[in-house]
Amino acid sequence: MEKIKFEEAMSRLEEILDKLEAGELDLDDSLLLFEEGINLTLFCQQQLQVTEQRMQKLIRKLDGSFELVEVEE
């Protein structure tokens, strides 16, 4: 996938959803948009996971329990 920002991907997903919900596309065009939507969804999920990992980390306390703390960069 080309270099795209998370916000752009979400905006494109909204466009795809609107077009698919309108029901005016033929089957082939609908399938192509659906595939694009799946790829964008996977991209967004990955970006969210990476961002979450950058923002938080799990540390073990002395009593053996875990605590989620903010990562300062």
N, C-alpha and C. Protein backbone atom coordinates (compact mmCIF):
# COMPACT_ATOMS: atom_id res chain seq x y z
N MET A 1 0.86 -1.19 0.00
CA MET A 1 0.00 0.00 0.00
C MET A 1 0.89 1.24 0.00
N GLU A 2 0.49 2.21 -0.76
CA GLU A 2 1.26 3.45 -0.83
C GLU A 2 1.26 4.15 0.53
N LYS A 3 2.17 5.09 0.70
CA LYS A 3 2.27 5.84 1.95
C LYS A 3 1.03 6.70 2.12
N ILE A 4 0.28 6.42 3.17
CA ILE A 4 -0.96 7.13 3.42
C ILE A 4 -1.07 7.37 4.92
N LYS A 5 -1.69 8.46 5.30
CA LYS A 5 -1.89 8.76 6.71
C LYS A 5 -3.14 8.06 7.21
N PHE A 6 -3.17 7.80 8.50
CA PHE A 6 -4.31 7.14 9.13
C PHE A 6 -5.61 7.88 8.82
N GLU A 7 -5.59 9.19 8.96
CA GLU A 7 -6.79 9.99 8.74
C GLU A 7 -7.29 9.89 7.30
N GLU A 8 -6.35 9.84 6.35
CA GLU A 8 -6.71 9.70 4.94
C GLU A 8 -7.35 8.33 4.69
N ALA A 9 -6.80 7.31 5.32
CA ALA A 9 -7.35 5.97 5.17
C ALA A 9 -8.76 5.90 5.73
N MET A 10 -8.99 6.50 6.87
CA MET A 10 -10.33 6.50 7.47
C MET A 10 -11.32 7.26 6.58
N SER A 11 -10.89 8.36 6.02
CA SER A 11 -11.74 9.14 5.13
C SER A 11 -12.11 8.33 3.89
N ARG A 12 -11.13 7.64 3.34
CA ARG A 12 -11.39 6.80 2.15
C ARG A 12 -12.34 5.66 2.51
N LEU A 13 -12.19 5.09 3.70
CA LEU A 13 -13.11 4.03 4.13
C LEU A 13 -14.54 4.54 4.19
N GLU A 14 -14.73 5.75 4.67
CA GLU A 14 -16.06 6.35 4.72
C GLU A 14 -16.64 6.52 3.31
N GLU A 15 -15.79 6.96 2.37
CA GLU A 15 -16.23 7.10 0.99
C GLU A 15 -16.67 5.76 0.41
N ILE A 16 -15.86 4.74 0.66
CA ILE A 16 -16.17 3.40 0.15
C ILE A 16 -17.48 2.91 0.73
N LEU A 17 -17.66 3.09 2.01
CA LEU A 17 -18.90 2.66 2.67
C LEU A 17 -20.12 3.35 2.07
N ASP A 18 -20.01 4.64 1.86
CA ASP A 18 -21.12 5.39 1.25
C ASP A 18 -21.47 4.84 -0.13
N LYS A 19 -20.44 4.57 -0.94
CA LYS A 19 -20.68 4.06 -2.30
C LYS A 19 -21.30 2.67 -2.26
N LEU A 20 -20.80 1.82 -1.37
CA LEU A 20 -21.35 0.47 -1.28
C LEU A 20 -22.78 0.48 -0.76
N GLU A 21 -23.05 1.32 0.21
CA GLU A 21 -24.41 1.40 0.76
C GLU A 21 -25.42 1.96 -0.24
N ALA A 22 -24.95 2.80 -1.14
CA ALA A 22 -25.84 3.38 -2.14
C ALA A 22 -26.39 2.30 -3.08
N GLY A 23 -25.63 1.23 -3.27
CA GLY A 23 -26.10 0.12 -4.08
C GLY A 23 -26.19 0.40 -5.57
N GLU A 24 -25.46 1.38 -6.05
CA GLU A 24 -25.54 1.76 -7.46
C GLU A 24 -24.41 1.20 -8.31
N LEU A 25 -23.49 0.47 -7.70
CA LEU A 25 -22.35 -0.08 -8.43
C LEU A 25 -22.66 -1.48 -8.91
N ASP A 26 -21.99 -1.87 -10.00
CA ASP A 26 -22.15 -3.26 -10.44
C ASP A 26 -21.31 -4.16 -9.54
N LEU A 27 -21.47 -5.44 -9.70
CA LEU A 27 -20.82 -6.41 -8.82
C LEU A 27 -19.30 -6.29 -8.83
N ASP A 28 -18.70 -6.15 -10.01
CA ASP A 28 -17.25 -6.06 -10.11
C ASP A 28 -16.71 -4.83 -9.39
N ASP A 29 -17.35 -3.68 -9.61
CA ASP A 29 -16.90 -2.46 -8.95
C ASP A 29 -17.09 -2.54 -7.43
N SER A 30 -18.19 -3.15 -7.02
CA SER A 30 -18.44 -3.32 -5.59
C SER A 30 -17.36 -4.20 -4.96
N LEU A 31 -16.99 -5.26 -5.65
CA LEU A 31 -15.96 -6.16 -5.13
C LEU A 31 -14.62 -5.46 -5.02
N LEU A 32 -14.27 -4.67 -6.03
CA LEU A 32 -13.01 -3.92 -5.98
C LEU A 32 -12.99 -2.95 -4.80
N LEU A 33 -14.09 -2.24 -4.59
CA LEU A 33 -14.16 -1.32 -3.46
C LEU A 33 -14.11 -2.06 -2.13
N PHE A 34 -14.80 -3.21 -2.07
CA PHE A 34 -14.78 -4.01 -0.86
C PHE A 34 -13.35 -4.45 -0.53
N GLU A 35 -12.61 -4.91 -1.53
CA GLU A 35 -11.21 -5.33 -1.32
C GLU A 35 -10.35 -4.16 -0.86
N GLU A 36 -10.55 -3.00 -1.47
CA GLU A 36 -9.80 -1.81 -1.04
C GLU A 36 -10.14 -1.48 0.41
N GLY A 37 -11.41 -1.60 0.76
CA GLY A 37 -11.83 -1.32 2.13
C GLY A 37 -11.19 -2.27 3.14
N ILE A 38 -11.10 -3.54 2.79
CA ILE A 38 -10.46 -4.53 3.66
C ILE A 38 -9.00 -4.17 3.87
N ASN A 39 -8.31 -3.82 2.80
CA ASN A 39 -6.89 -3.44 2.91
C ASN A 39 -6.72 -2.19 3.77
N LEU A 40 -7.59 -1.22 3.60
CA LEU A 40 -7.52 0.00 4.41
C LEU A 40 -7.81 -0.29 5.88
N THR A 41 -8.75 -1.19 6.13
CA THR A 41 -9.07 -1.58 7.50
C THR A 41 -7.88 -2.23 8.18
N LEU A 42 -7.23 -3.14 7.47
CA LEU A 42 -6.03 -3.79 8.02
C LEU A 42 -4.93 -2.78 8.29
N PHE A 43 -4.74 -1.85 7.38
CA PHE A 43 -3.74 -0.79 7.57
C PHE A 43 -4.05 0.03 8.82
N CYS A 44 -5.31 0.42 8.98
CA CYS A 44 -5.70 1.24 10.14
C CYS A 44 -5.50 0.48 11.45
N GLN A 45 -5.86 -0.79 11.46
CA GLN A 45 -5.67 -1.61 12.65
C GLN A 45 -4.19 -1.68 13.02
N GLN A 46 -3.35 -1.87 12.03
CA GLN A 46 -1.91 -1.95 12.27
C GLN A 46 -1.38 -0.62 12.81
N GLN A 47 -1.82 0.47 12.23
CA GLN A 47 -1.38 1.79 12.69
C GLN A 47 -1.80 2.03 14.14
N LEU A 48 -3.01 1.62 14.49
CA LEU A 48 -3.48 1.79 15.86
C LEU A 48 -2.66 0.95 16.84
N GLN A 49 -2.31 -0.26 16.45
CA GLN A 49 -1.49 -1.11 17.31
C GLN A 49 -0.11 -0.52 17.52
N VAL A 50 0.50 -0.04 16.46
CA VAL A 50 1.83 0.57 16.57
C VAL A 50 1.79 1.80 17.47
N THR A 51 0.76 2.62 17.28
CA THR A 51 0.63 3.83 18.09
C THR A 51 0.42 3.47 19.56
N GLU A 52 -0.41 2.50 19.83
CA GLU A 52 -0.65 2.09 21.21
C GLU A 52 0.62 1.57 21.85
N GLN A 53 1.40 0.79 21.12
CA GLN A 53 2.65 0.25 21.65
C GLN A 53 3.64 1.37 21.94
N ARG A 54 3.63 2.39 21.14
CA ARG A 54 4.54 3.52 21.37
C ARG A 54 4.13 4.33 22.59
N MET A 55 2.84 4.36 22.89
CA MET A 55 2.34 5.20 23.97
C MET A 55 2.37 4.51 25.33
N GLN A 56 2.35 3.21 25.35
CA GLN A 56 2.25 2.49 26.61
C GLN A 56 3.23 1.33 26.64
N LYS A 57 3.58 0.97 27.85
CA LYS A 57 4.35 -0.24 28.02
C LYS A 57 3.93 -0.88 29.34
N LEU A 58 4.07 -2.15 29.40
CA LEU A 58 3.68 -2.90 30.57
C LEU A 58 4.92 -3.16 31.41
N ILE A 59 4.86 -2.82 32.69
CA ILE A 59 6.01 -3.09 33.55
C ILE A 59 5.56 -4.00 34.70
N ARG A 60 6.47 -4.80 35.17
CA ARG A 60 6.18 -5.70 36.27
C ARG A 60 6.57 -5.03 37.57
N LYS A 61 5.66 -5.03 38.52
CA LYS A 61 5.92 -4.47 39.84
C LYS A 61 6.62 -5.51 40.71
N LEU A 62 7.10 -5.08 41.86
CA LEU A 62 7.79 -5.98 42.76
C LEU A 62 6.90 -7.12 43.25
N ASP A 63 5.60 -6.88 43.38
CA ASP A 63 4.70 -7.93 43.86
C ASP A 63 4.29 -8.91 42.76
N GLY A 64 4.82 -8.75 41.57
CA GLY A 64 4.54 -9.66 40.47
C GLY A 64 3.39 -9.22 39.58
N SER A 65 2.65 -8.22 39.99
CA SER A 65 1.56 -7.72 39.15
C SER A 65 2.13 -6.81 38.07
N PHE A 66 1.29 -6.48 37.11
CA PHE A 66 1.71 -5.62 36.02
C PHE A 66 1.01 -4.27 36.10
N GLU A 67 1.69 -3.26 35.60
CA GLU A 67 1.13 -1.92 35.55
C GLU A 67 1.40 -1.33 34.18
N LEU A 68 0.41 -0.70 33.62
CA LEU A 68 0.53 -0.06 32.32
C LEU A 68 0.94 1.39 32.56
N VAL A 69 2.05 1.81 31.96
CA VAL A 69 2.54 3.17 32.17
C VAL A 69 2.76 3.86 30.83
N GLU A 70 2.67 5.17 30.85
CA GLU A 70 2.92 5.98 29.65
C GLU A 70 4.42 5.96 29.34
N VAL A 71 4.72 5.92 28.07
CA VAL A 71 6.10 5.97 27.63
C VAL A 71 6.42 7.43 27.30
N GLU A 72 7.45 7.94 27.92
CA GLU A 72 7.86 9.31 27.64
C GLU A 72 9.00 9.27 26.63
N GLU A 73 8.81 10.03 25.55
CA GLU A 73 9.85 10.06 24.52
C GLU A 73 10.53 11.40 24.47
